[in-house]
Amino acid sequence: MRRLPLLAALLPLLGCAAVRPFEEIRKTLPATSFLKVGDQLVHIEQAGSGEPVILLHGFGASTWSWRNVMPALAASFRVIAIDLNGFGYTQRPRTFESYTREGQADLVLRVMDGLGIRSAHLMGHSYGGGLSLFIASRYPERVRSLVLVDSSAPTYANDRRSRAASLKPLLGLYLRSFVLRPGTVRRALLHSFYDDSLVTPELVHEYYERLRVEGVVDAYYGLTAPTRSQPEPVELEKIRVPALIVWGAEDQLISVEAGRRAAERMPDAEFVVLPGVGHVPMEEKPEELVRLVLPFLERQ
């Protein structure tokens, strides 16, 4: 799982003139779709009952990216999709640490605690996959199994940081000079999909709406500025929970071979390739993805 550009091209064009106030967004959604975690409101979506499955989205995405797989999974499991810090409808924190790999992991664990979940199956896509690997390596007692979908490396949250984003006052000025454009979102999605016809105006709109949320300067700075310390390595060989690793055969962002090599390093992992799919199987072929995932989860 090599270093990854992913949907990072989305955020640099977020302009403050286009953002939606968080309070306005909150009022349009059911109160049950937010969980109070400390002083923060975290947006989650829940369905089903049974053993818990936590869904973690990719960079630039949100809980909405799981909409086509949640109903089928919820027929057998309690499914919880979480909007990570800086994405979707979760309230953007102001602290830099919230956007680090460790901060995102802390958010996931605190959501689990708030829902009374001691351990869960983690299903992560791309950035969310790398985060799932990190959680499994540091908190194995909280993870029953892993489903990784075109996953980034567990170091990706740190690898993509740049000194260019280190001056927050200038960053804020830079961001205010641009406006989030649906065309930019569309180009990023086209780069992630194999079947371009699926990148409809409606799809672009939904991704766009979940990016232009109040707190973009804090989020962009937290997600891209250098950290003060070197990240601790994650040894895939020591992740011993059962893992299913699914990859789109036409993924142009992370190669199939990179995913296969990572799977070979994990003691209890199986690797499956989906033909005719790019970087986002849950968008392009959700039924095929579910047909792979459900039997694996049921075996666990």
C-alpha atoms as a PDB file:
ATOM      1  CA  MET A   1       0.000   0.000   0.000  1.00  0.00           C
ATOM      2  CA  ARG A   2       2.101   2.899  -1.246  1.00  0.00           C
ATOM      3  CA  ARG A   3       1.810   6.615  -0.664  1.00  0.00           C
ATOM      4  CA  LEU A   4      -1.327   7.995  -2.187  1.00  0.00           C
ATOM      5  CA  PRO A   5      -2.672  11.232  -3.748  1.00  0.00           C
ATOM      6  CA  LEU A   6      -6.307  10.060  -3.356  1.00  0.00           C
ATOM      7  CA  LEU A   7      -8.912  12.838  -3.224  1.00  0.00           C
ATOM      8  CA  ALA A   8      -6.508  15.343  -1.648  1.00  0.00           C
ATOM      9  CA  ALA A   9      -7.079  17.628  -4.633  1.00  0.00           C
ATOM     10  CA  LEU A  10     -10.543  18.398  -3.279  1.00  0.00           C
ATOM     11  CA  LEU A  11      -9.668  20.412  -0.216  1.00  0.00           C
ATOM     12  CA  PRO A  12      -7.248  23.079  -1.534  1.00  0.00           C
ATOM     13  CA  LEU A  13     -10.071  24.792  -3.393  1.00  0.00           C
ATOM     14  CA  LEU A  14     -12.397  25.084  -0.423  1.00  0.00           C
ATOM     15  CA  GLY A  15     -13.188  28.758  -0.029  1.00  0.00           C
ATOM     16  CA  CYS A  16     -14.632  30.233   3.134  1.00  0.00           C
ATOM     17  CA  ALA A  17     -17.312  32.071   1.147  1.00  0.00           C
ATOM     18  CA  ALA A  18     -18.814  28.721   0.187  1.00  0.00           C
ATOM     19  CA  VAL A  19     -18.885  26.976   3.541  1.00  0.00           C
ATOM     20  CA  ARG A  20     -22.111  26.037   5.268  1.00  0.00           C
ATOM     21  CA  PRO A  21     -22.482  26.899   8.966  1.00  0.00           C
ATOM     22  CA  PHE A  22     -22.405  23.763  11.065  1.00  0.00           C
ATOM     23  CA  GLU A  23     -25.429  24.860  13.074  1.00  0.00           C
ATOM     24  CA  GLU A  24     -27.423  25.181   9.869  1.00  0.00           C
ATOM     25  CA  ILE A  25     -26.463  21.649   8.857  1.00  0.00           C
ATOM     26  CA  ARG A  26     -27.235  20.242  12.293  1.00  0.00           C
ATOM     27  CA  LYS A  27     -30.777  21.601  12.196  1.00  0.00           C
ATOM     28  CA  THR A  28     -31.504  19.811   8.916  1.00  0.00           C
ATOM     29  CA  LEU A  29     -30.576  16.359  10.275  1.00  0.00           C
ATOM     30  CA  PRO A  30     -32.192  14.143  12.917  1.00  0.00           C
ATOM     31  CA  ALA A  31     -30.782  14.616  16.405  1.00  0.00           C
ATOM     32  CA  THR A  32     -30.070  10.875  16.493  1.00  0.00           C
ATOM     33  CA  SER A  33     -27.538  11.264  13.673  1.00  0.00           C
ATOM     34  CA  PHE A  34     -25.157  13.087  16.019  1.00  0.00           C
ATOM     35  CA  LEU A  35     -23.249  11.656  18.950  1.00  0.00           C
ATOM     36  CA  LYS A  36     -21.815  13.974  21.589  1.00  0.00           C
ATOM     37  CA  VAL A  37     -18.134  13.147  22.068  1.00  0.00           C
ATOM     38  CA  GLY A  38     -16.690  15.545  24.617  1.00  0.00           C
ATOM     39  CA  ASP A  39     -17.488  19.010  23.268  1.00  0.00           C
ATOM     40  CA  GLN A  40     -17.864  17.781  19.689  1.00  0.00           C
ATOM     41  CA  LEU A  41     -20.882  16.573  17.727  1.00  0.00           C
ATOM     42  CA  VAL A  42     -19.884  13.602  15.580  1.00  0.00           C
ATOM     43  CA  HIS A  43     -22.102  12.629  12.663  1.00  0.00           C
ATOM     44  CA  ILE A  44     -22.886   8.924  12.480  1.00  0.00           C
ATOM     45  CA  GLU A  45     -25.361   6.729  10.634  1.00  0.00           C
ATOM     46  CA  GLN A  46     -26.644   3.512  12.180  1.00  0.00           C
ATOM     47  CA  ALA A  47     -28.719   0.583  10.970  1.00  0.00           C
ATOM     48  CA  GLY A  48     -29.404  -3.023  11.914  1.00  0.00           C
ATOM     49  CA  SER A  49     -28.634  -5.079  15.005  1.00  0.00           C
ATOM     50  CA  GLY A  50     -26.187  -7.758  16.038  1.00  0.00           C
ATOM     51  CA  GLU A  51     -22.401  -7.661  16.124  1.00  0.00           C
ATOM     52  CA  PRO A  52     -21.131  -4.144  15.378  1.00  0.00           C
ATOM     53  CA  VAL A  53     -19.457  -3.212  12.101  1.00  0.00           C
ATOM     54  CA  ILE A  54     -17.791   0.221  11.958  1.00  0.00           C
ATOM     55  CA  LEU A  55     -17.483   1.827   8.501  1.00  0.00           C
ATOM     56  CA  LEU A  56     -14.632   4.318   7.963  1.00  0.00           C
ATOM     57  CA  HIS A  57     -14.660   6.340   4.742  1.00  0.00           C
ATOM     58  CA  GLY A  58     -11.839   7.533   2.511  1.00  0.00           C
ATOM     59  CA  PHE A  59     -10.156  10.929   2.239  1.00  0.00           C
ATOM     60  CA  GLY A  60     -12.578  13.539   0.906  1.00  0.00           C
ATOM     61  CA  ALA A  61     -15.553  11.209   1.437  1.00  0.00           C
ATOM     62  CA  SER A  62     -18.096  10.663   4.226  1.00  0.00           C
ATOM     63  CA  THR A  63     -20.707   8.269   5.567  1.00  0.00           C
ATOM     64  CA  TRP A  64     -22.632   8.892   2.332  1.00  0.00           C
ATOM     65  CA  SER A  65     -20.127   6.801   0.383  1.00  0.00           C
ATOM     66  CA  TRP A  66     -21.414   3.695   2.234  1.00  0.00           C
ATOM     67  CA  ARG A  67     -25.096   4.248   1.374  1.00  0.00           C
ATOM     68  CA  ASN A  68     -25.233   1.366  -1.129  1.00  0.00           C
ATOM     69  CA  VAL A  69     -23.726  -1.272   1.173  1.00  0.00           C
ATOM     70  CA  MET A  70     -25.189  -0.343   4.565  1.00  0.00           C
ATOM     71  CA  PRO A  71     -28.679  -1.837   4.044  1.00  0.00           C
ATOM     72  CA  ALA A  72     -27.344  -5.264   3.042  1.00  0.00           C
ATOM     73  CA  LEU A  73     -24.830  -5.336   5.907  1.00  0.00           C
ATOM     74  CA  ALA A  74     -27.493  -4.150   8.352  1.00  0.00           C
ATOM     75  CA  ALA A  75     -29.615  -7.210   7.591  1.00  0.00           C
ATOM     76  CA  SER A  76     -27.133  -9.235   9.673  1.00  0.00           C
ATOM     77  CA  PHE A  77     -25.118  -6.726  11.706  1.00  0.00           C
ATOM     78  CA  ARG A  78     -25.315  -3.495  13.642  1.00  0.00           C
ATOM     79  CA  VAL A  79     -23.666  -1.079  11.214  1.00  0.00           C
ATOM     80  CA  ILE A  80     -22.267   2.316  12.231  1.00  0.00           C
ATOM     81  CA  ALA A  81     -20.745   4.693   9.693  1.00  0.00           C
ATOM     82  CA  ILE A  82     -18.694   7.569  11.118  1.00  0.00           C
ATOM     83  CA  ASP A  83     -17.754  10.921   9.586  1.00  0.00           C
ATOM     84  CA  LEU A  84     -14.108  11.382  10.571  1.00  0.00           C
ATOM     85  CA  ASN A  85     -12.645  14.705  11.683  1.00  0.00           C
ATOM     86  CA  GLY A  86     -12.599  17.162   8.785  1.00  0.00           C
ATOM     87  CA  PHE A  87     -15.144  15.288   6.662  1.00  0.00           C
ATOM     88  CA  GLY A  88     -18.876  14.924   6.169  1.00  0.00           C
ATOM     89  CA  TYR A  89     -21.183  16.454   8.761  1.00  0.00           C
ATOM     90  CA  THR A  90     -18.987  15.973  11.827  1.00  0.00           C
ATOM     91  CA  GLN A  91     -18.304  19.217  13.675  1.00  0.00           C
ATOM     92  CA  ARG A  92     -14.796  20.401  12.771  1.00  0.00           C
ATOM     93  CA  PRO A  93     -12.598  20.639  15.884  1.00  0.00           C
ATOM     94  CA  ARG A  94     -10.072  23.449  16.132  1.00  0.00           C
ATOM     95  CA  THR A  95      -7.210  21.444  17.612  1.00  0.00           C
ATOM     96  CA  PHE A  96      -4.476  20.245  15.258  1.00  0.00           C
ATOM     97  CA  GLU A  97      -4.151  16.925  17.080  1.00  0.00           C
ATOM     98  CA  SER A  98      -7.713  15.939  16.171  1.00  0.00           C
ATOM     99  CA  TYR A  99      -6.689  15.570  12.524  1.00  0.00           C
ATOM    100  CA  THR A 100      -3.655  13.377  13.074  1.00  0.00           C
ATOM    101  CA  ARG A 101      -3.754   9.613  12.671  1.00  0.00           C
ATOM    102  CA  GLU A 102      -3.820   9.287  16.444  1.00  0.00           C
ATOM    103  CA  GLY A 103      -6.581  11.884  16.745  1.00  0.00           C
ATOM    104  CA  GLN A 104      -8.765  10.127  14.187  1.00  0.00           C
ATOM    105  CA  ALA A 105      -8.239   6.791  15.943  1.00  0.00           C
ATOM    106  CA  ASP A 106      -9.205   8.413  19.233  1.00  0.00           C
ATOM    107  CA  LEU A 107     -12.407   9.704  17.636  1.00  0.00           C
ATOM    108  CA  VAL A 108     -13.360   6.209  16.431  1.00  0.00           C
ATOM    109  CA  LEU A 109     -12.685   4.630  19.828  1.00  0.00           C
ATOM    110  CA  ARG A 110     -14.613   7.344  21.668  1.00  0.00           C
ATOM    111  CA  VAL A 111     -17.581   6.882  19.345  1.00  0.00           C
ATOM    112  CA  MET A 112     -17.449   3.157  20.101  1.00  0.00           C
ATOM    113  CA  ASP A 113     -17.328   3.919  23.817  1.00  0.00           C
ATOM    114  CA  GLY A 114     -20.259   6.316  23.493  1.00  0.00           C
ATOM    115  CA  LEU A 115     -22.302   3.611  21.781  1.00  0.00           C
ATOM    116  CA  GLY A 116     -21.340   0.970  24.337  1.00  0.00           C
ATOM    117  CA  ILE A 117     -19.251  -1.026  21.861  1.00  0.00           C
ATOM    118  CA  ARG A 118     -16.238  -2.788  23.337  1.00  0.00           C
ATOM    119  CA  SER A 119     -15.016  -4.350  20.092  1.00  0.00           C
ATOM    120  CA  ALA A 120     -16.167  -4.268  16.472  1.00  0.00           C
ATOM    121  CA  HIS A 121     -15.415  -5.347  12.938  1.00  0.00           C
ATOM    122  CA  LEU A 122     -13.740  -2.431  11.128  1.00  0.00           C
ATOM    123  CA  MET A 123     -14.423  -1.865   7.440  1.00  0.00           C
ATOM    124  CA  GLY A 124     -12.294   0.917   6.018  1.00  0.00           C
ATOM    125  CA  HIS A 125     -11.900   2.363   2.541  1.00  0.00           C
ATOM    126  CA  SER A 126      -8.666   4.040   1.413  1.00  0.00           C
ATOM    127  CA  TYR A 127      -7.763   6.588   4.153  1.00  0.00           C
ATOM    128  CA  GLY A 128     -10.224   4.779   6.422  1.00  0.00           C
ATOM    129  CA  GLY A 129      -8.463   1.501   5.660  1.00  0.00           C
ATOM    130  CA  GLY A 130      -5.111   2.883   6.731  1.00  0.00           C
ATOM    131  CA  LEU A 131      -6.743   4.165   9.907  1.00  0.00           C
ATOM    132  CA  SER A 132      -8.293   0.729  10.518  1.00  0.00           C
ATOM    133  CA  LEU A 133      -4.853  -0.880  10.257  1.00  0.00           C
ATOM    134  CA  PHE A 134      -3.457   1.608  12.747  1.00  0.00           C
ATOM    135  CA  ILE A 135      -6.271   0.932  15.227  1.00  0.00           C
ATOM    136  CA  ALA A 136      -5.829  -2.836  14.846  1.00  0.00           C
ATOM    137  CA  SER A 137      -2.100  -2.513  15.500  1.00  0.00           C
ATOM    138  CA  ARG A 138      -2.462  -0.328  18.596  1.00  0.00           C
ATOM    139  CA  TYR A 139      -5.760  -1.550  20.043  1.00  0.00           C
ATOM    140  CA  PRO A 140      -6.182  -5.182  18.919  1.00  0.00           C
ATOM    141  CA  GLU A 141      -8.634  -5.858  21.740  1.00  0.00           C
ATOM    142  CA  ARG A 142     -11.075  -3.386  20.116  1.00  0.00           C
ATOM    143  CA  VAL A 143     -11.019  -5.077  16.677  1.00  0.00           C
ATOM    144  CA  ARG A 144     -12.785  -8.357  15.830  1.00  0.00           C
ATOM    145  CA  SER A 145     -11.811  -8.386  12.165  1.00  0.00           C
ATOM    146  CA  LEU A 146     -10.782  -6.069   9.328  1.00  0.00           C
ATOM    147  CA  VAL A 147     -12.281  -5.449   5.910  1.00  0.00           C
ATOM    148  CA  LEU A 148      -9.957  -3.225   3.875  1.00  0.00           C
ATOM    149  CA  VAL A 149     -11.207  -1.774   0.599  1.00  0.00           C
ATOM    150  CA  ASP A 150      -8.458  -0.340  -1.663  1.00  0.00           C
ATOM    151  CA  SER A 151      -6.702   0.670   1.528  1.00  0.00           C
ATOM    152  CA  SER A 152      -3.994   3.257   1.947  1.00  0.00           C
ATOM    153  CA  ALA A 153      -0.924   2.455   3.998  1.00  0.00           C
ATOM    154  CA  PRO A 154      -1.285   3.065   7.749  1.00  0.00           C
ATOM    155  CA  THR A 155       1.323   5.832   7.345  1.00  0.00           C
ATOM    156  CA  TYR A 156      -0.682   7.747   4.717  1.00  0.00           C
ATOM    157  CA  ALA A 157      -2.156  10.274   7.156  1.00  0.00           C
ATOM    158  CA  ASN A 158       1.432  11.420   7.807  1.00  0.00           C
ATOM    159  CA  ASP A 159       2.943  10.790   4.376  1.00  0.00           C
ATOM    160  CA  ARG A 160       0.679  13.327   2.678  1.00  0.00           C
ATOM    161  CA  ARG A 161       1.662  16.232   4.949  1.00  0.00           C
ATOM    162  CA  SER A 162       3.575  19.189   3.487  1.00  0.00           C
ATOM    163  CA  ARG A 163       5.555  22.157   4.782  1.00  0.00           C
ATOM    164  CA  ALA A 164       3.584  24.315   2.349  1.00  0.00           C
ATOM    165  CA  ALA A 165       0.601  24.062   4.720  1.00  0.00           C
ATOM    166  CA  SER A 166       2.539  24.874   7.898  1.00  0.00           C
ATOM    167  CA  LEU A 167       1.778  28.626   8.040  1.00  0.00           C
ATOM    168  CA  LYS A 168      -1.833  28.704   9.149  1.00  0.00           C
ATOM    169  CA  PRO A 169      -2.476  32.469   8.718  1.00  0.00           C
ATOM    170  CA  LEU A 170      -1.283  32.318   5.107  1.00  0.00           C
ATOM    171  CA  LEU A 171      -3.206  29.103   4.575  1.00  0.00           C
ATOM    172  CA  GLY A 172      -6.401  30.785   5.699  1.00  0.00           C
ATOM    173  CA  LEU A 173      -5.776  33.642   3.265  1.00  0.00           C
ATOM    174  CA  TYR A 174      -5.091  31.143   0.487  1.00  0.00           C
ATOM    175  CA  LEU A 175      -8.282  29.239   1.166  1.00  0.00           C
ATOM    176  CA  ARG A 176     -10.372  32.407   1.250  1.00  0.00           C
ATOM    177  CA  SER A 177      -9.082  33.288  -2.210  1.00  0.00           C
ATOM    178  CA  PHE A 178     -10.849  30.311  -3.819  1.00  0.00           C
ATOM    179  CA  VAL A 179     -14.325  28.824  -3.935  1.00  0.00           C
ATOM    180  CA  LEU A 180     -15.114  25.150  -3.780  1.00  0.00           C
ATOM    181  CA  ARG A 181     -16.079  24.139  -7.311  1.00  0.00           C
ATOM    182  CA  PRO A 182     -18.143  21.119  -8.291  1.00  0.00           C
ATOM    183  CA  GLY A 183     -15.860  20.755 -11.304  1.00  0.00           C
ATOM    184  CA  THR A 184     -12.905  20.102  -9.024  1.00  0.00           C
ATOM    185  CA  VAL A 185     -14.864  17.464  -7.129  1.00  0.00           C
ATOM    186  CA  ARG A 186     -15.929  15.880 -10.410  1.00  0.00           C
ATOM    187  CA  ARG A 187     -12.362  15.605 -11.694  1.00  0.00           C
ATOM    188  CA  ALA A 188     -11.219  13.972  -8.459  1.00  0.00           C
ATOM    189  CA  LEU A 189     -14.064  11.465  -8.625  1.00  0.00           C
ATOM    190  CA  LEU A 190     -13.350  10.657 -12.270  1.00  0.00           C
ATOM    191  CA  HIS A 191      -9.803   9.819 -11.248  1.00  0.00           C
ATOM    192  CA  SER A 192     -11.164   7.369  -8.654  1.00  0.00           C
ATOM    193  CA  PHE A 193     -13.834   5.659 -10.799  1.00  0.00           C
ATOM    194  CA  TYR A 194     -13.263   3.172 -13.593  1.00  0.00           C
ATOM    195  CA  ASP A 195     -16.727   3.711 -15.097  1.00  0.00           C
ATOM    196  CA  ASP A 196     -16.905   7.462 -15.740  1.00  0.00           C
ATOM    197  CA  SER A 197     -20.635   7.291 -16.499  1.00  0.00           C
ATOM    198  CA  LEU A 198     -21.284   6.743 -12.788  1.00  0.00           C
ATOM    199  CA  VAL A 199     -19.882  10.183 -11.929  1.00  0.00           C
ATOM    200  CA  THR A 200     -23.227  11.934 -12.307  1.00  0.00           C
ATOM    201  CA  PRO A 201     -24.054  15.545 -11.381  1.00  0.00           C
ATOM    202  CA  GLU A 202     -26.039  14.187  -8.423  1.00  0.00           C
ATOM    203  CA  LEU A 203     -23.029  12.225  -7.141  1.00  0.00           C
ATOM    204  CA  VAL A 204     -20.751  15.249  -7.483  1.00  0.00           C
ATOM    205  CA  HIS A 205     -23.271  17.400  -5.632  1.00  0.00           C
ATOM    206  CA  GLU A 206     -23.477  15.036  -2.662  1.00  0.00           C
ATOM    207  CA  TYR A 207     -19.688  14.860  -2.247  1.00  0.00           C
ATOM    208  CA  TYR A 208     -19.450  18.629  -2.708  1.00  0.00           C
ATOM    209  CA  GLU A 209     -22.070  19.408  -0.048  1.00  0.00           C
ATOM    210  CA  ARG A 210     -20.250  17.353   2.574  1.00  0.00           C
ATOM    211  CA  LEU A 211     -16.962  19.138   1.993  1.00  0.00           C
ATOM    212  CA  ARG A 212     -18.058  22.755   2.238  1.00  0.00           C
ATOM    213  CA  VAL A 213     -18.652  22.763   5.975  1.00  0.00           C
ATOM    214  CA  GLU A 214     -17.658  25.413   8.510  1.00  0.00           C
ATOM    215  CA  GLY A 215     -14.156  24.862   9.921  1.00  0.00           C
ATOM    216  CA  VAL A 216     -12.348  24.190   6.655  1.00  0.00           C
ATOM    217  CA  VAL A 217      -9.217  26.166   7.580  1.00  0.00           C
ATOM    218  CA  ASP A 218      -8.706  24.225  10.810  1.00  0.00           C
ATOM    219  CA  ALA A 219      -9.448  20.945   9.016  1.00  0.00           C
ATOM    220  CA  TYR A 220      -7.151  21.588   6.057  1.00  0.00           C
ATOM    221  CA  TYR A 221      -4.338  22.729   8.324  1.00  0.00           C
ATOM    222  CA  GLY A 222      -4.796  19.744  10.630  1.00  0.00           C
ATOM    223  CA  LEU A 223      -4.870  17.261   7.766  1.00  0.00           C
ATOM    224  CA  THR A 224      -1.935  18.642   5.762  1.00  0.00           C
ATOM    225  CA  ALA A 225       0.532  20.525   7.983  1.00  0.00           C
ATOM    226  CA  PRO A 226       3.605  18.635   9.277  1.00  0.00           C
ATOM    227  CA  THR A 227       3.370  16.987  12.686  1.00  0.00           C
ATOM    228  CA  ARG A 228       5.851  17.670  15.449  1.00  0.00           C
ATOM    229  CA  SER A 229       6.981  14.060  15.744  1.00  0.00           C
ATOM    230  CA  GLN A 230       7.667  11.104  13.504  1.00  0.00           C
ATOM    231  CA  PRO A 231       4.810   8.604  13.250  1.00  0.00           C
ATOM    232  CA  GLU A 232       5.236   5.272  14.940  1.00  0.00           C
ATOM    233  CA  PRO A 233       5.580   2.469  12.384  1.00  0.00           C
ATOM    234  CA  VAL A 234       2.856  -0.120  11.933  1.00  0.00           C
ATOM    235  CA  GLU A 235       4.121  -3.648  11.376  1.00  0.00           C
ATOM    236  CA  LEU A 236       1.574  -5.463   9.233  1.00  0.00           C
ATOM    237  CA  GLU A 237       3.121  -8.788  10.244  1.00  0.00           C
ATOM    238  CA  LYS A 238       1.916  -8.221  13.801  1.00  0.00           C
ATOM    239  CA  ILE A 239      -1.724  -7.564  12.898  1.00  0.00           C
ATOM    240  CA  ARG A 240      -3.226 -10.955  13.666  1.00  0.00           C
ATOM    241  CA  VAL A 241      -6.954 -10.279  13.453  1.00  0.00           C
ATOM    242  CA  PRO A 242      -8.690 -11.907  10.457  1.00  0.00           C
ATOM    243  CA  ALA A 243      -8.669  -9.577   7.458  1.00  0.00           C
ATOM    244  CA  LEU A 244     -10.399  -9.460   4.092  1.00  0.00           C
ATOM    245  CA  ILE A 245      -8.642  -7.173   1.605  1.00  0.00           C
ATOM    246  CA  VAL A 246     -10.657  -6.192  -1.478  1.00  0.00           C
ATOM    247  CA  TRP A 247      -9.179  -4.317  -4.425  1.00  0.00           C
ATOM    248  CA  GLY A 248     -10.521  -2.796  -7.625  1.00  0.00           C
ATOM    249  CA  ALA A 249      -8.621  -4.275 -10.571  1.00  0.00           C
ATOM    250  CA  GLU A 250      -8.556  -0.881 -12.309  1.00  0.00           C
ATOM    251  CA  ASP A 251      -7.516   1.216  -9.327  1.00  0.00           C
ATOM    252  CA  GLN A 252      -5.312   4.007 -10.680  1.00  0.00           C
ATOM    253  CA  LEU A 253      -4.530   5.457  -7.252  1.00  0.00           C
ATOM    254  CA  ILE A 254      -3.114   2.390  -5.514  1.00  0.00           C
ATOM    255  CA  SER A 255      -2.087  -0.569  -7.630  1.00  0.00           C
ATOM    256  CA  VAL A 256      -3.432  -4.064  -7.151  1.00  0.00           C
ATOM    257  CA  GLU A 257       0.109  -5.307  -6.640  1.00  0.00           C
ATOM    258  CA  ALA A 258       0.679  -2.862  -3.796  1.00  0.00           C
ATOM    259  CA  GLY A 259      -2.428  -4.229  -2.097  1.00  0.00           C
ATOM    260  CA  ARG A 260      -1.395  -7.825  -2.742  1.00  0.00           C
ATOM    261  CA  ARG A 261       2.061  -7.246  -1.240  1.00  0.00           C
ATOM    262  CA  ALA A 262       0.526  -5.751   1.880  1.00  0.00           C
ATOM    263  CA  ALA A 263      -1.888  -8.667   2.220  1.00  0.00           C
ATOM    264  CA  GLU A 264       1.005 -11.129   2.006  1.00  0.00           C
ATOM    265  CA  ARG A 265       2.583  -9.493   5.045  1.00  0.00           C
ATOM    266  CA  MET A 266      -0.492 -10.019   7.227  1.00  0.00           C
ATOM    267  CA  PRO A 267      -0.713 -13.463   8.900  1.00  0.00           C
ATOM    268  CA  ASP A 268      -4.483 -13.956   8.594  1.00  0.00           C
ATOM    269  CA  ALA A 269      -5.468 -12.015   5.467  1.00  0.00           C
ATOM    270  CA  GLU A 270      -7.218 -13.031   2.264  1.00  0.00           C
ATOM    271  CA  PHE A 271      -6.959 -10.900  -0.867  1.00  0.00           C
ATOM    272  CA  VAL A 272      -9.657 -10.551  -3.533  1.00  0.00           C
ATOM    273  CA  VAL A 273      -9.651  -8.498  -6.740  1.00  0.00           C
ATOM    274  CA  LEU A 274     -12.857  -7.099  -8.246  1.00  0.00           C
ATOM    275  CA  PRO A 275     -12.664  -6.814 -12.061  1.00  0.00           C
ATOM    276  CA  GLY A 276     -13.889  -3.691 -13.813  1.00  0.00           C
ATOM    277  CA  VAL A 277     -13.667  -1.542 -10.682  1.00  0.00           C
ATOM    278  CA  GLY A 278     -11.521   1.451  -9.792  1.00  0.00           C
ATOM    279  CA  HIS A 279     -10.650   2.874  -6.386  1.00  0.00           C
ATOM    280  CA  VAL A 280     -14.209   2.951  -5.029  1.00  0.00           C
ATOM    281  CA  PRO A 281     -15.847  -0.518  -5.168  1.00  0.00           C
ATOM    282  CA  MET A 282     -18.668   0.505  -2.804  1.00  0.00           C
ATOM    283  CA  GLU A 283     -19.695   3.108  -5.390  1.00  0.00           C
ATOM    284  CA  GLU A 284     -19.098   1.140  -8.597  1.00  0.00           C
ATOM    285  CA  LYS A 285     -20.112  -2.419  -7.638  1.00  0.00           C
ATOM    286  CA  PRO A 286     -21.677  -2.391  -4.169  1.00  0.00           C
ATOM    287  CA  GLU A 287     -23.525  -5.689  -4.660  1.00  0.00           C
ATOM    288  CA  GLU A 288     -20.323  -7.529  -5.555  1.00  0.00           C
ATOM    289  CA  LEU A 289     -18.553  -5.987  -2.580  1.00  0.00           C
ATOM    290  CA  VAL A 290     -21.302  -7.064  -0.203  1.00  0.00           C
ATOM    291  CA  ARG A 291     -21.242 -10.611  -1.612  1.00  0.00           C
ATOM    292  CA  LEU A 292     -17.596 -10.820  -0.583  1.00  0.00           C
ATOM    293  CA  VAL A 293     -17.874  -9.063   2.754  1.00  0.00           C
ATOM    294  CA  LEU A 294     -20.951 -10.722   4.288  1.00  0.00           C
ATOM    295  CA  PRO A 295     -19.638 -14.331   4.235  1.00  0.00           C
ATOM    296  CA  PHE A 296     -16.323 -13.161   5.664  1.00  0.00           C
ATOM    297  CA  LEU A 297     -17.983 -11.272   8.531  1.00  0.00           C
ATOM    298  CA  GLU A 298     -20.342 -14.154   9.249  1.00  0.00           C
ATOM    299  CA  ARG A 299     -17.381 -16.541   9.537  1.00  0.00           C
ATOM    300  CA  GLN A 300     -15.901 -14.359  12.224  1.00  0.00           C
END
